[in-house]
N, C-alpha and C. Protein backbone atom coordinates (compact mmCIF):
# COMPACT_ATOMS: atom_id res chain seq x y z
N MET A 1 -18.66 41.12 13.91
CA MET A 1 -18.24 42.26 12.99
C MET A 1 -18.71 42.04 11.61
N THR A 2 -19.34 43.39 10.53
CA THR A 2 -19.35 42.99 9.66
C THR A 2 -18.77 44.60 8.57
N TRP A 3 -18.59 43.89 7.14
CA TRP A 3 -18.02 44.91 6.64
C TRP A 3 -18.77 46.34 6.60
N ALA A 4 -20.49 46.32 6.76
CA ALA A 4 -20.37 47.79 7.01
C ALA A 4 -20.20 48.59 8.42
N GLY A 5 -19.66 47.69 9.24
CA GLY A 5 -19.31 47.89 10.51
C GLY A 5 -17.97 48.27 10.45
N LEU A 6 -16.81 47.70 9.97
CA LEU A 6 -15.60 47.80 9.46
C LEU A 6 -15.98 49.66 8.55
N LEU A 7 -16.44 49.38 7.94
CA LEU A 7 -16.49 50.48 6.99
C LEU A 7 -17.06 51.83 7.76
N GLU A 8 -17.86 51.73 8.96
CA GLU A 8 -18.07 53.22 9.76
C GLU A 8 -17.12 53.75 10.43
N GLN A 9 -15.87 52.90 10.79
CA GLN A 9 -14.60 53.17 11.06
C GLN A 9 -13.67 53.66 10.30
N TRP A 10 -14.06 53.78 9.25
CA TRP A 10 -13.45 54.34 8.15
C TRP A 10 -11.54 55.21 8.08
N ALA A 11 -12.15 56.33 9.44
CA ALA A 11 -10.99 56.70 9.81
C ALA A 11 -10.14 55.93 10.72
N LEU A 12 -10.32 55.32 11.22
CA LEU A 12 -9.38 54.33 12.11
C LEU A 12 -8.90 53.42 11.01
N ILE A 13 -9.28 53.43 9.89
CA ILE A 13 -8.48 52.04 8.98
C ILE A 13 -7.57 52.99 8.22
N GLU A 14 -8.11 54.25 7.96
CA GLU A 14 -7.58 55.30 7.28
C GLU A 14 -5.50 55.36 7.74
N ALA A 15 -6.14 55.81 9.42
CA ALA A 15 -4.95 56.38 9.91
C ALA A 15 -4.05 54.95 10.10
N ASP A 16 -4.28 53.61 10.27
CA ASP A 16 -3.94 52.87 10.64
C ASP A 16 -3.32 52.40 9.60
N PHE A 17 -3.90 52.47 8.35
CA PHE A 17 -3.07 52.38 6.68
C PHE A 17 -1.62 52.99 7.33
N GLN A 18 -1.68 53.95 6.74
CA GLN A 18 -0.49 55.48 6.94
C GLN A 18 0.38 55.00 8.12
N GLN A 19 0.08 54.66 9.74
CA GLN A 19 0.84 53.76 10.25
C GLN A 19 1.64 52.59 10.14
N THR A 20 0.80 52.08 9.41
CA THR A 20 1.22 50.49 9.43
C THR A 20 1.93 50.24 8.35
N TYR A 21 1.35 50.58 7.65
CA TYR A 21 2.20 50.35 5.87
C TYR A 21 2.11 50.97 5.41
N GLY A 22 2.19 52.73 5.56
CA GLY A 22 2.69 53.74 5.14
C GLY A 22 1.95 54.18 3.62
N ILE A 23 0.66 53.82 3.51
CA ILE A 23 -0.10 54.07 2.78
C ILE A 23 -1.23 54.65 2.53
N ASP A 24 -1.13 55.99 2.67
CA ASP A 24 -2.09 57.24 2.62
C ASP A 24 -3.40 56.88 1.51
N LEU A 25 -4.50 56.47 2.19
CA LEU A 25 -5.78 56.07 1.17
C LEU A 25 -6.20 57.29 0.80
N ASP A 26 -5.90 58.45 0.62
CA ASP A 26 -6.38 59.91 0.37
C ASP A 26 -5.45 60.31 -0.66
N THR A 27 -4.74 59.22 -1.17
CA THR A 27 -3.52 59.50 -2.26
C THR A 27 -4.68 59.56 -3.57
N PRO A 28 -4.88 60.93 -4.64
CA PRO A 28 -5.55 60.63 -5.60
C PRO A 28 -5.83 59.45 -6.80
N GLY A 29 -6.36 58.57 -7.03
CA GLY A 29 -6.88 57.73 -7.99
C GLY A 29 -5.86 56.29 -7.01
N LEU A 30 -5.51 56.22 -5.89
CA LEU A 30 -4.95 55.32 -5.20
C LEU A 30 -5.84 53.62 -5.03
N MET A 31 -7.13 54.26 -4.90
CA MET A 31 -8.46 53.18 -4.98
C MET A 31 -8.60 52.91 -5.91
N GLN A 32 -8.94 53.41 -7.15
CA GLN A 32 -9.30 53.20 -8.19
C GLN A 32 -7.73 51.93 -9.04
N THR A 33 -6.83 51.82 -8.85
CA THR A 33 -5.99 51.09 -8.96
C THR A 33 -5.92 49.30 -8.03
N ARG A 34 -6.13 49.95 -7.09
CA ARG A 34 -6.54 48.39 -6.38
C ARG A 34 -7.53 47.88 -6.57
N SER A 35 -7.26 46.85 -6.36
CA SER A 35 -8.47 45.44 -6.17
C SER A 35 -9.44 45.78 -4.83
N TRP A 36 -10.12 45.06 -4.88
CA TRP A 36 -11.25 45.13 -3.35
C TRP A 36 -10.57 43.63 -2.77
N ARG A 37 -9.57 43.06 -3.26
CA ARG A 37 -9.16 41.37 -2.89
C ARG A 37 -7.27 42.56 -2.12
N TRP A 38 -6.99 43.06 -2.77
CA TRP A 38 -5.95 44.16 -1.95
C TRP A 38 -6.38 44.65 -1.27
N LEU A 39 -7.55 45.69 -0.54
CA LEU A 39 -8.50 45.98 0.34
C LEU A 39 -8.71 45.16 1.40
N LYS A 40 -8.85 44.38 1.10
CA LYS A 40 -9.90 43.18 1.98
C LYS A 40 -8.39 42.52 2.66
N ALA A 41 -7.71 42.26 2.27
CA ALA A 41 -6.36 41.48 2.68
C ALA A 41 -5.55 42.14 3.88
N ARG A 42 -5.14 43.69 3.34
CA ARG A 42 -4.98 44.50 4.55
C ARG A 42 -6.01 44.79 5.86
N ILE A 43 -6.53 45.01 5.60
CA ILE A 43 -7.94 45.24 6.75
C ILE A 43 -7.84 44.39 7.19
N TYR A 44 -7.65 42.76 6.82
CA TYR A 44 -7.63 41.49 8.01
C TYR A 44 -6.27 41.86 8.47
N GLY A 45 -5.25 42.15 7.77
CA GLY A 45 -3.91 42.08 8.33
C GLY A 45 -3.88 43.37 9.46
N LEU A 46 -4.51 44.78 9.44
CA LEU A 46 -4.92 45.30 10.58
C LEU A 46 -5.50 45.06 11.80
N LEU A 47 -6.70 44.23 11.40
CA LEU A 47 -7.34 43.53 12.23
C LEU A 47 -6.67 42.16 13.22
N SER A 48 -5.48 41.76 12.70
CA SER A 48 -4.68 40.68 13.20
C SER A 48 -3.39 41.47 14.35
N ALA A 49 -3.02 43.15 14.46
CA ALA A 49 -2.48 43.23 14.55
C ALA A 49 -2.15 44.21 15.48
N GLU A 50 -1.97 45.19 16.29
CA GLU A 50 -2.01 45.98 17.45
C GLU A 50 -2.42 47.10 16.72
N THR A 51 -3.46 47.66 16.38
CA THR A 51 -3.92 48.65 15.74
C THR A 51 -5.16 49.68 16.26
N ARG A 52 -5.78 50.74 15.93
CA ARG A 52 -6.51 51.13 16.16
C ARG A 52 -7.74 50.29 16.22
N ILE A 53 -7.89 49.89 14.67
CA ILE A 53 -9.37 49.11 14.43
C ILE A 53 -9.66 47.86 15.06
N ASN A 54 -8.64 47.22 15.52
CA ASN A 54 -7.93 45.89 15.97
C ASN A 54 -8.66 46.26 17.64
N ARG A 55 -8.51 47.29 18.01
CA ARG A 55 -8.69 47.84 19.55
C ARG A 55 -10.34 47.95 19.47
N HIS A 56 -10.44 48.60 18.19
CA HIS A 56 -12.07 49.29 18.41
C HIS A 56 -13.23 48.11 18.51
N PHE A 57 -12.40 46.88 18.02
CA PHE A 57 -13.53 45.82 17.56
C PHE A 57 -13.32 45.12 18.62
N ALA A 58 -11.70 44.34 19.63
CA ALA A 58 -11.62 43.47 20.07
C ALA A 58 -10.79 44.22 21.36
N PRO A 59 -11.54 45.29 22.15
CA PRO A 59 -10.73 45.83 23.61
C PRO A 59 -10.10 44.93 24.43
N PRO A 60 -9.05 45.45 25.23
CA PRO A 60 -8.45 44.56 26.11
C PRO A 60 -9.54 44.20 26.88
N GLU A 61 -9.07 42.34 27.65
CA GLU A 61 -10.41 42.69 28.16
C GLU A 61 -9.98 43.04 30.14
N ARG A 62 -10.86 43.68 30.95
CA ARG A 62 -10.51 44.05 31.89
C ARG A 62 -10.03 43.43 33.18
N SER A 63 -9.29 43.40 34.23
CA SER A 63 -9.06 42.49 34.63
C SER A 63 -9.83 42.89 36.13
N LYS A 64 -10.47 41.71 37.02
CA LYS A 64 -11.64 41.84 38.00
C LYS A 64 -10.61 42.35 38.94
């Protein structure tokens, strides 16, 4: 997984931010007032929780 790969799934990240953190990333000016560190920490949080972005990159294993 790369940052480029993550950012290609921006729609999943946006939906997860809204559901998990209650933050609408489309709010005018929001991203200009936040640091890269702020965004990165929250995306890492999404990847370690039961979220769309987590399921995209780590789908559940199929039973045999």
